[in-house]
C-alpha atoms as a PDB file:
ATOM      1  CA  MET A   1      38.414  45.602 -66.254  1.00  0.00           C
ATOM      2  CA  ILE A   2      35.025  46.594 -68.773  1.00  0.00           C
ATOM      3  CA  PRO A   3      34.009  50.296 -68.838  1.00  0.00           C
ATOM      4  CA  ILE A   4      30.115  50.770 -68.683  1.00  0.00           C
ATOM      5  CA  GLU A   5      28.578  53.393 -70.304  1.00  0.00           C
ATOM      6  CA  MET A   6      27.439  56.183 -67.802  1.00  0.00           C
ATOM      7  CA  THR A   7      23.982  58.310 -68.143  1.00  0.00           C
ATOM      8  CA  PRO A   8      22.850  60.652 -65.731  1.00  0.00           C
ATOM      9  CA  ASP A   9      21.344  58.259 -63.596  1.00  0.00           C
ATOM     10  CA  GLY A  10      24.239  55.824 -63.091  1.00  0.00           C
ATOM     11  CA  PRO A  11      25.767  53.286 -65.293  1.00  0.00           C
ATOM     12  CA  ASN A  12      23.607  52.096 -68.457  1.00  0.00           C
ATOM     13  CA  MET A  13      22.004  48.924 -66.683  1.00  0.00           C
ATOM     14  CA  ALA A  14      20.733  47.411 -69.676  1.00  0.00           C
ATOM     15  CA  THR A  15      24.267  46.791 -70.930  1.00  0.00           C
ATOM     16  CA  ALA A  16      25.598  46.061 -67.337  1.00  0.00           C
ATOM     17  CA  ALA A  17      22.655  43.422 -66.511  1.00  0.00           C
ATOM     18  CA  GLU A  18      23.245  41.924 -69.925  1.00  0.00           C
ATOM     19  CA  LEU A  19      26.893  41.369 -69.341  1.00  0.00           C
ATOM     20  CA  VAL A  20      26.441  40.468 -65.463  1.00  0.00           C
ATOM     21  CA  GLU A  21      23.801  37.945 -66.002  1.00  0.00           C
ATOM     22  CA  SER A  22      25.504  36.429 -68.786  1.00  0.00           C
ATOM     23  CA  ASP A  23      29.291  35.787 -68.248  1.00  0.00           C
ATOM     24  CA  PRO A  24      29.928  33.531 -65.170  1.00  0.00           C
ATOM     25  CA  ARG A  25      33.808  35.155 -65.314  1.00  0.00           C
ATOM     26  CA  ILE A  26      32.159  38.759 -64.076  1.00  0.00           C
ATOM     27  CA  LYS A  27      33.237  38.587 -60.694  1.00  0.00           C
ATOM     28  CA  GLY A  28      31.746  41.817 -59.515  1.00  0.00           C
ATOM     29  CA  MET A  29      30.409  45.408 -60.263  1.00  0.00           C
ATOM     30  CA  TRP A  30      32.047  48.590 -58.999  1.00  0.00           C
ATOM     31  CA  CYS A  31      30.022  51.458 -58.403  1.00  0.00           C
ATOM     32  CA  VAL A  32      30.921  54.757 -56.673  1.00  0.00           C
ATOM     33  CA  PRO A  33      27.034  55.815 -56.503  1.00  0.00           C
ATOM     34  CA  LYS A  34      26.993  59.550 -55.309  1.00  0.00           C
ATOM     35  CA  PHE A  35      28.816  62.161 -56.552  1.00  0.00           C
ATOM     36  CA  SER A  36      30.609  59.201 -58.917  1.00  0.00           C
ATOM     37  CA  ASN A  37      34.025  59.812 -60.019  1.00  0.00           C
ATOM     38  CA  PRO A  38      34.773  61.919 -62.499  1.00  0.00           C
ATOM     39  CA  GLN A  39      31.333  63.250 -63.866  1.00  0.00           C
ATOM     40  CA  GLY A  40      29.863  63.902 -60.010  1.00  0.00           C
ATOM     41  CA  ILE A  41      26.232  62.683 -60.699  1.00  0.00           C
ATOM     42  CA  THR A  42      24.258  60.239 -58.156  1.00  0.00           C
ATOM     43  CA  TYR A  43      22.433  57.533 -58.982  1.00  0.00           C
ATOM     44  CA  SER A  44      18.863  57.517 -59.472  1.00  0.00           C
ATOM     45  CA  ASP A  45      16.657  55.328 -57.320  1.00  0.00           C
ATOM     46  CA  GLU A  46      15.698  53.414 -60.729  1.00  0.00           C
ATOM     47  CA  THR A  47      19.170  52.494 -61.164  1.00  0.00           C
ATOM     48  CA  VAL A  48      20.221  51.288 -57.297  1.00  0.00           C
ATOM     49  CA  ARG A  49      17.050  49.005 -57.560  1.00  0.00           C
ATOM     50  CA  ARG A  50      18.001  47.647 -61.008  1.00  0.00           C
ATOM     51  CA  ILE A  51      21.458  46.895 -59.659  1.00  0.00           C
ATOM     52  CA  ALA A  52      20.230  45.117 -56.443  1.00  0.00           C
ATOM     53  CA  ALA A  53      18.171  42.882 -58.640  1.00  0.00           C
ATOM     54  CA  LEU A  54      20.998  41.632 -60.857  1.00  0.00           C
ATOM     55  CA  SER A  55      20.694  37.492 -60.785  1.00  0.00           C
ATOM     56  CA  PRO A  56      24.599  37.308 -61.891  1.00  0.00           C
ATOM     57  CA  LYS A  57      25.995  33.941 -63.455  1.00  0.00           C
ATOM     58  CA  SER A  58      28.426  34.289 -61.337  1.00  0.00           C
ATOM     59  CA  LYS A  59      27.464  32.806 -57.874  1.00  0.00           C
ATOM     60  CA  ASP A  60      30.443  34.514 -56.385  1.00  0.00           C
ATOM     61  CA  PHE A  61      28.948  37.956 -57.794  1.00  0.00           C
ATOM     62  CA  ARG A  62      29.386  41.015 -55.709  1.00  0.00           C
ATOM     63  CA  ILE A  63      28.689  44.772 -55.855  1.00  0.00           C
ATOM     64  CA  PHE A  64      31.521  46.943 -54.735  1.00  0.00           C
ATOM     65  CA  TRP A  65      29.620  50.309 -53.055  1.00  0.00           C
ATOM     66  CA  ASP A  66      32.344  52.704 -52.662  1.00  0.00           C
ATOM     67  CA  ASN A  67      30.511  55.501 -51.534  1.00  0.00           C
ATOM     68  CA  ALA A  68      33.516  57.482 -51.080  1.00  0.00           C
ATOM     69  CA  TYR A  69      31.512  61.037 -51.518  1.00  0.00           C
ATOM     70  CA  SER A  70      28.609  60.407 -49.663  1.00  0.00           C
ATOM     71  CA  VAL A  71      28.644  63.883 -47.144  1.00  0.00           C
ATOM     72  CA  HIS A  72      30.234  65.808 -50.401  1.00  0.00           C
ATOM     73  CA  GLU A  73      28.170  68.277 -51.221  1.00  0.00           C
ATOM     74  CA  LEU A  74      28.838  71.459 -52.872  1.00  0.00           C
ATOM     75  CA  THR A  75      25.763  73.318 -52.480  1.00  0.00           C
ATOM     76  CA  GLU A  76      23.143  73.602 -49.570  1.00  0.00           C
ATOM     77  CA  GLU A  77      20.990  70.372 -51.192  1.00  0.00           C
ATOM     78  CA  ASN A  78      21.090  67.383 -49.696  1.00  0.00           C
ATOM     79  CA  ILE A  79      21.353  64.657 -52.339  1.00  0.00           C
ATOM     80  CA  LYS A  80      19.629  61.096 -51.338  1.00  0.00           C
ATOM     81  CA  LEU A  81      20.502  58.035 -52.475  1.00  0.00           C
ATOM     82  CA  LEU A  82      18.697  54.962 -52.396  1.00  0.00           C
ATOM     83  CA  SER A  83      20.175  52.499 -49.425  1.00  0.00           C
ATOM     84  CA  ILE A  84      21.794  49.612 -52.138  1.00  0.00           C
ATOM     85  CA  MET A  85      21.154  47.028 -48.789  1.00  0.00           C
ATOM     86  CA  ASP A  86      17.827  48.092 -48.159  1.00  0.00           C
ATOM     87  CA  GLU A  87      16.697  47.152 -51.992  1.00  0.00           C
ATOM     88  CA  CYS A  88      18.585  44.090 -52.075  1.00  0.00           C
ATOM     89  CA  LYS A  89      16.910  42.981 -48.837  1.00  0.00           C
ATOM     90  CA  LYS A  90      13.490  42.960 -50.515  1.00  0.00           C
ATOM     91  CA  ARG A  91      14.912  40.846 -53.559  1.00  0.00           C
ATOM     92  CA  ASN A  92      16.814  38.290 -50.779  1.00  0.00           C
ATOM     93  CA  ASN A  93      20.306  39.358 -52.563  1.00  0.00           C
ATOM     94  CA  GLU A  94      22.057  40.517 -48.787  1.00  0.00           C
ATOM     95  CA  GLN A  95      24.599  38.643 -50.271  1.00  0.00           C
ATOM     96  CA  LEU A  96      25.567  40.667 -53.142  1.00  0.00           C
ATOM     97  CA  PRO A  97      26.487  44.229 -51.497  1.00  0.00           C
ATOM     98  CA  ILE A  98      29.951  45.060 -50.087  1.00  0.00           C
ATOM     99  CA  ILE A  99      29.600  48.637 -48.640  1.00  0.00           C
ATOM    100  CA  PHE A 100      32.584  50.587 -48.016  1.00  0.00           C
ATOM    101  CA  CYS A 101      33.406  54.488 -47.250  1.00  0.00           C
ATOM    102  CA  SER A 102      36.089  56.472 -45.385  1.00  0.00           C
ATOM    103  CA  LEU A 103      36.952  59.989 -44.091  1.00  0.00           C
ATOM    104  CA  SER A 104      40.023  60.219 -46.737  1.00  0.00           C
ATOM    105  CA  LYS A 105      38.362  63.039 -48.370  1.00  0.00           C
ATOM    106  CA  VAL A 106      37.002  64.392 -45.158  1.00  0.00           C
ATOM    107  CA  THR A 107      40.183  65.061 -42.716  1.00  0.00           C
ATOM    108  CA  PHE A 108      43.143  63.500 -43.619  1.00  0.00           C
ATOM    109  CA  ALA A 109      43.680  61.508 -47.395  1.00  0.00           C
ATOM    110  CA  GLY A 110      45.157  58.062 -46.712  1.00  0.00           C
ATOM    111  CA  ALA A 111      45.236  58.766 -43.206  1.00  0.00           C
ATOM    112  CA  ALA A 112      41.279  59.000 -42.045  1.00  0.00           C
ATOM    113  CA  ILE A 113      39.388  56.066 -40.447  1.00  0.00           C
ATOM    114  CA  SER A 114      37.123  53.874 -42.386  1.00  0.00           C
ATOM    115  CA  ALA A 115      33.875  51.804 -42.638  1.00  0.00           C
ATOM    116  CA  LEU A 116      32.493  48.473 -44.047  1.00  0.00           C
ATOM    117  CA  ALA A 117      29.142  47.088 -44.023  1.00  0.00           C
ATOM    118  CA  CYS A 118      28.148  43.463 -45.486  1.00  0.00           C
ATOM    119  CA  ARG A 119      26.042  40.491 -44.246  1.00  0.00           C
ATOM    120  CA  GLY A 120      26.711  36.853 -43.890  1.00  0.00           C
ATOM    121  CA  GLU A 121      29.560  35.077 -45.330  1.00  0.00           C
ATOM    122  CA  ASN A 122      30.831  38.049 -46.803  1.00  0.00           C
ATOM    123  CA  PHE A 123      31.451  39.584 -43.458  1.00  0.00           C
ATOM    124  CA  SER A 124      33.371  36.278 -41.839  1.00  0.00           C
ATOM    125  CA  ALA A 125      35.700  35.884 -45.163  1.00  0.00           C
ATOM    126  CA  LEU A 126      36.258  39.756 -45.094  1.00  0.00           C
ATOM    127  CA  LYS A 127      36.795  39.268 -41.084  1.00  0.00           C
ATOM    128  CA  ARG A 128      39.406  36.284 -41.213  1.00  0.00           C
ATOM    129  CA  ARG A 129      41.506  38.028 -44.358  1.00  0.00           C
ATOM    130  CA  TYR A 130      41.652  41.112 -41.323  1.00  0.00           C
ATOM    131  CA  LEU A 131      42.476  39.154 -38.968  1.00  0.00           C
ATOM    132  CA  VAL A 132      46.153  38.082 -40.938  1.00  0.00           C
ATOM    133  CA  GLN A 133      46.396  41.712 -42.537  1.00  0.00           C
ATOM    134  CA  SER A 134      46.357  43.668 -39.486  1.00  0.00           C
ATOM    135  CA  VAL A 135      47.141  43.347 -35.857  1.00  0.00           C
ATOM    136  CA  GLY A 136      44.322  45.920 -35.512  1.00  0.00           C
ATOM    137  CA  PRO A 137      43.070  49.758 -35.920  1.00  0.00           C
ATOM    138  CA  ASN A 138      44.954  52.321 -34.986  1.00  0.00           C
ATOM    139  CA  LYS A 139      43.065  53.249 -32.154  1.00  0.00           C
ATOM    140  CA  LEU A 140      44.499  56.997 -30.971  1.00  0.00           C
ATOM    141  CA  ASN A 141      43.737  57.717 -34.739  1.00  0.00           C
ATOM    142  CA  GLN A 142      40.011  56.741 -34.394  1.00  0.00           C
ATOM    143  CA  LEU A 143      40.069  58.919 -30.971  1.00  0.00           C
ATOM    144  CA  ARG A 144      41.265  61.598 -32.637  1.00  0.00           C
ATOM    145  CA  HIS A 145      38.516  61.992 -35.329  1.00  0.00           C
ATOM    146  CA  VAL A 146      35.997  60.550 -32.690  1.00  0.00           C
ATOM    147  CA  ARG A 147      36.515  63.737 -30.316  1.00  0.00           C
ATOM    148  CA  PHE A 148      37.062  66.556 -34.069  1.00  0.00           C
ATOM    149  CA  LEU A 149      34.158  65.314 -35.493  1.00  0.00           C
ATOM    150  CA  LYS A 150      31.930  63.856 -32.822  1.00  0.00           C
ATOM    151  CA  ASN A 151      28.822  63.300 -34.420  1.00  0.00           C
ATOM    152  CA  LEU A 152      27.318  63.350 -37.812  1.00  0.00           C
ATOM    153  CA  SER A 153      26.277  66.835 -37.304  1.00  0.00           C
ATOM    154  CA  GLY A 154      30.045  67.490 -36.467  1.00  0.00           C
ATOM    155  CA  ILE A 155      30.781  66.094 -39.777  1.00  0.00           C
ATOM    156  CA  LYS A 156      28.380  68.210 -42.135  1.00  0.00           C
ATOM    157  CA  SER A 157      29.225  71.217 -39.839  1.00  0.00           C
ATOM    158  CA  HIS A 158      32.750  70.749 -41.009  1.00  0.00           C
ATOM    159  CA  MET A 159      31.975  69.364 -44.192  1.00  0.00           C
ATOM    160  CA  LYS A 160      29.969  73.296 -44.912  1.00  0.00           C
ATOM    161  CA  ARG A 161      33.677  74.665 -44.116  1.00  0.00           C
ATOM    162  CA  HIS A 162      35.076  72.480 -47.310  1.00  0.00           C
ATOM    163  CA  GLN A 163      31.941  73.623 -49.515  1.00  0.00           C
ATOM    164  CA  LYS A 164      33.228  77.065 -48.525  1.00  0.00           C
ATOM    165  CA  ILE A 165      36.495  76.357 -50.256  1.00  0.00           C
ATOM    166  CA  LEU A 166      35.339  73.973 -53.167  1.00  0.00           C
ATOM    167  CA  TYR A 167      32.193  75.943 -54.844  1.00  0.00           C
ATOM    168  CA  PRO A 168      33.725  79.095 -55.465  1.00  0.00           C
ATOM    169  CA  LYS A 169      36.275  76.864 -57.582  1.00  0.00           C
ATOM    170  CA  PHE A 170      34.107  74.939 -59.113  1.00  0.00           C
ATOM    171  CA  ASN A 171      32.051  77.805 -60.090  1.00  0.00           C
ATOM    172  CA  ILE A 172      35.555  79.313 -61.832  1.00  0.00           C
ATOM    173  CA  VAL A 173      36.144  76.167 -64.134  1.00  0.00           C
ATOM    174  CA  LEU A 174      32.124  76.132 -65.197  1.00  0.00           C
ATOM    175  CA  SER A 175      32.009  79.725 -65.643  1.00  0.00           C
ATOM    176  CA  ILE A 176      34.639  79.675 -67.905  1.00  0.00           C
ATOM    177  CA  LEU A 177      34.086  76.493 -69.823  1.00  0.00           C
ATOM    178  CA  LYS A 178      31.006  78.793 -70.633  1.00  0.00           C
ATOM    179  CA  LYS A 179      31.960  81.780 -71.693  1.00  0.00           C
ATOM    180  CA  HIS A 180      34.012  79.451 -73.944  1.00  0.00           C
ATOM    181  CA  PHE A 181      32.062  76.334 -75.252  1.00  0.00           C
ATOM    182  CA  ALA A 182      28.582  77.429 -73.976  1.00  0.00           C
ATOM    183  CA  THR A 183      27.651  77.797 -77.906  1.00  0.00           C
ATOM    184  CA  ASN A 184      30.831  75.774 -79.093  1.00  0.00           C
ATOM    185  CA  PRO A 185      29.815  71.422 -79.855  1.00  0.00           C
ATOM    186  CA  ILE A 186      33.198  71.163 -79.126  1.00  0.00           C
ATOM    187  CA  VAL A 187      33.305  70.821 -75.137  1.00  0.00           C
ATOM    188  CA  GLN A 188      30.788  69.134 -73.306  1.00  0.00           C
ATOM    189  CA  TRP A 189      30.019  68.890 -69.307  1.00  0.00           C
ATOM    190  CA  GLU A 190      28.675  67.824 -66.556  1.00  0.00           C
ATOM    191  CA  THR A 191      27.705  70.201 -63.766  1.00  0.00           C
ATOM    192  CA  PRO A 192      28.404  68.350 -60.238  1.00  0.00           C
ATOM    193  CA  GLN A 193      26.587  68.460 -57.135  1.00  0.00           C
ATOM    194  CA  GLY A 194      29.337  67.105 -54.956  1.00  0.00           C
ATOM    195  CA  GLY A 195      32.250  65.504 -55.183  1.00  0.00           C
ATOM    196  CA  TYR A 196      35.249  66.350 -56.340  1.00  0.00           C
ATOM    197  CA  PHE A 197      35.831  66.848 -59.913  1.00  0.00           C
ATOM    198  CA  ILE A 198      34.363  68.005 -63.155  1.00  0.00           C
ATOM    199  CA  SER A 199      34.757  65.823 -66.828  1.00  0.00           C
ATOM    200  CA  VAL A 200      35.509  67.345 -69.963  1.00  0.00           C
ATOM    201  CA  TYR A 201      34.227  65.870 -73.216  1.00  0.00           C
ATOM    202  CA  LEU A 202      36.147  67.026 -75.921  1.00  0.00           C
ATOM    203  CA  MET A 203      35.395  66.141 -79.773  1.00  0.00           C
ATOM    204  CA  GLU A 204      37.713  62.841 -80.553  1.00  0.00           C
ATOM    205  CA  GLY A 205      40.981  62.581 -80.632  1.00  0.00           C
ATOM    206  CA  CYS A 206      41.518  65.602 -78.631  1.00  0.00           C
ATOM    207  CA  ALA A 207      42.167  64.547 -75.277  1.00  0.00           C
ATOM    208  CA  LYS A 208      45.717  63.736 -75.149  1.00  0.00           C
ATOM    209  CA  ARG A 209      46.688  66.324 -77.282  1.00  0.00           C
ATOM    210  CA  THR A 210      45.016  69.114 -75.283  1.00  0.00           C
ATOM    211  CA  VAL A 211      46.592  67.756 -71.771  1.00  0.00           C
ATOM    212  CA  GLU A 212      50.303  68.381 -73.909  1.00  0.00           C
ATOM    213  CA  LEU A 213      49.285  71.558 -74.754  1.00  0.00           C
ATOM    214  CA  CYS A 214      48.624  72.062 -71.188  1.00  0.00           C
ATOM    215  CA  LYS A 215      51.677  70.718 -70.051  1.00  0.00           C
ATOM    216  CA  ASN A 216      53.794  73.233 -72.351  1.00  0.00           C
ATOM    217  CA  ALA A 217      52.356  76.119 -70.738  1.00  0.00           C
ATOM    218  CA  GLY A 218      52.979  74.909 -67.354  1.00  0.00           C
ATOM    219  CA  VAL A 219      49.136  73.780 -66.574  1.00  0.00           C
ATOM    220  CA  SER A 220      49.402  70.522 -65.137  1.00  0.00           C
ATOM    221  CA  LEU A 221      46.147  68.071 -66.071  1.00  0.00           C
ATOM    222  CA  THR A 222      45.091  64.430 -65.168  1.00  0.00           C
ATOM    223  CA  ALA A 223      46.128  62.265 -68.054  1.00  0.00           C
ATOM    224  CA  ALA A 224      43.436  61.960 -70.473  1.00  0.00           C
ATOM    225  CA  GLY A 225      41.567  59.307 -70.228  1.00  0.00           C
ATOM    226  CA  ALA A 226      42.419  58.498 -66.800  1.00  0.00           C
ATOM    227  CA  THR A 227      39.400  57.050 -65.555  1.00  0.00           C
ATOM    228  CA  TYR A 228      38.833  54.768 -67.612  1.00  0.00           C
ATOM    229  CA  PRO A 229      40.185  51.075 -67.341  1.00  0.00           C
ATOM    230  CA  TYR A 230      43.556  50.849 -67.386  1.00  0.00           C
ATOM    231  CA  GLY A 231      43.697  54.251 -68.879  1.00  0.00           C
ATOM    232  CA  PHE A 232      42.170  53.675 -71.958  1.00  0.00           C
ATOM    233  CA  ASP A 233      39.632  55.512 -73.456  1.00  0.00           C
ATOM    234  CA  PRO A 234      39.138  54.712 -77.138  1.00  0.00           C
ATOM    235  CA  LEU A 235      37.633  57.948 -78.372  1.00  0.00           C
ATOM    236  CA  ASP A 236      40.460  59.845 -76.397  1.00  0.00           C
ATOM    237  CA  SER A 237      37.721  62.753 -75.586  1.00  0.00           C
ATOM    238  CA  ASN A 238      37.395  63.039 -71.922  1.00  0.00           C
ATOM    239  CA  ILE A 239      39.906  64.546 -69.081  1.00  0.00           C
ATOM    240  CA  ARG A 240      39.024  65.155 -66.081  1.00  0.00           C
ATOM    241  CA  ILE A 241      39.603  68.445 -63.452  1.00  0.00           C
ATOM    242  CA  ALA A 242      40.438  68.646 -60.619  1.00  0.00           C
ATOM    243  CA  PRO A 243      40.233  72.494 -58.823  1.00  0.00           C
ATOM    244  CA  SER A 244      40.333  71.735 -55.324  1.00  0.00           C
ATOM    245  CA  PHE A 245      44.032  72.555 -55.002  1.00  0.00           C
ATOM    246  CA  PRO A 246      44.931  75.630 -57.236  1.00  0.00           C
ATOM    247  CA  SER A 247      44.235  79.458 -55.757  1.00  0.00           C
ATOM    248  CA  ARG A 248      41.297  81.115 -57.108  1.00  0.00           C
ATOM    249  CA  GLU A 249      43.819  83.078 -59.478  1.00  0.00           C
ATOM    250  CA  ASN A 250      45.734  80.431 -60.802  1.00  0.00           C
ATOM    251  CA  LEU A 251      42.738  78.203 -61.109  1.00  0.00           C
ATOM    252  CA  SER A 252      41.225  81.306 -63.701  1.00  0.00           C
ATOM    253  CA  GLN A 253      44.743  81.074 -65.416  1.00  0.00           C
ATOM    254  CA  ALA A 254      44.888  77.646 -66.254  1.00  0.00           C
ATOM    255  CA  MET A 255      41.242  77.281 -67.288  1.00  0.00           C
ATOM    256  CA  GLU A 256      41.655  79.855 -70.279  1.00  0.00           C
ATOM    257  CA  ILE A 257      45.191  78.502 -70.970  1.00  0.00           C
ATOM    258  CA  PHE A 258      43.185  74.936 -70.471  1.00  0.00           C
ATOM    259  CA  SER A 259      39.756  76.330 -73.006  1.00  0.00           C
ATOM    260  CA  ILE A 260      42.791  77.869 -75.420  1.00  0.00           C
ATOM    261  CA  SER A 261      44.657  74.595 -75.552  1.00  0.00           C
ATOM    262  CA  VAL A 262      41.259  72.544 -76.630  1.00  0.00           C
ATOM    263  CA  LYS A 263      40.538  74.768 -79.286  1.00  0.00           C
ATOM    264  CA  ILE A 264      44.166  74.493 -80.768  1.00  0.00           C
ATOM    265  CA  ALA A 265      43.702  70.870 -80.204  1.00  0.00           C
ATOM    266  CA  TYR A 266      40.517  70.562 -81.967  1.00  0.00           C
ATOM    267  CA  LEU A 267      41.562  73.007 -84.723  1.00  0.00           C
ATOM    268  CA  GLU A 268      44.874  70.589 -85.754  1.00  0.00           C
ATOM    269  CA  ASN A 269      42.395  67.843 -85.302  1.00  0.00           C
ATOM    270  CA  ILE A 270      40.394  68.785 -88.459  1.00  0.00           C
ATOM    271  CA  LEU A 271      43.366  69.998 -90.256  1.00  0.00           C
ATOM    272  CA  LYS A 272      44.990  66.861 -90.416  1.00  0.00           C
END
C-alpha cells in the first residue's frame, strides 16, 4: 500500500496520477471521499473529476469508493460530494469505480446492511464471487432496517440524533486543543464537518511518546500512525482522536491529559 499526501481537497492528485498512470503493478486506489477518515475532509469537485479522468497503466485498475460517512454531517450544513460514477461516464471510464457504503455507523456496527454499485464486468465478477461466498442476505435484518428507517427522510432524521450526541463532544476536543495550542505551532489539526474523527499532527517524533504518556495516565488512544498503511507514520506525528465513546466529563479530562502529554513529549524530544 502506498500512502498519498492528503490536502484540504482530498488526495494529492498530481502524485496519485503519476503513480497510477506509470506503474502497472498498481491495481487500485482506495478513497473515503466524504468526511475522509481521519481528517474529516470531503473531496472537492476538481479532485473527483481528476480521479474519474485517470488513465491507469494497469488494465484491471479499479477505484474503490468507500463512502462510509455519506450521511454523517456534524452541523446543519449539507456537504455535497460530486458523483464519481457520473464523472466517469463522461470520460468513458465507467469500469473504474466500485462504490460501496453501509449503515454500520448508522444503526449497528458490523450488523447493519450495505450497498454496492458498479457497472458491467465489475458487477458480473462480484456477483459470481458472492454466489459462492454467501447463501443470501439476512432478509429479517433488512426488514428491520426498512421498518425502522423507512426512507431517506427517516435516515436523515435518525442522523440528527447522532449529531446531537457527537457535535458537543467534537466541540470539547476542539475547544481544549485551541486553549492549549491556538498560538502554539507544535500541534496542528483539522476541524471536520462530519464523520467520527479529529486528526491531530504533532511535531515530528512525538506521537508514539504522547500515546505512551496518555496510557500511563489512564487515557487510551488509537495507536500513533494507525491510519497509515501498515500503521507506519514516517514522521511519527499523527494521532487520530475518536471522541464518540467517552462521556463529556471524561472527554474533557482526557483532552487535558492529552494536551499535557503532547507538551511533555515535545519538551523531551527537543531536549534529547
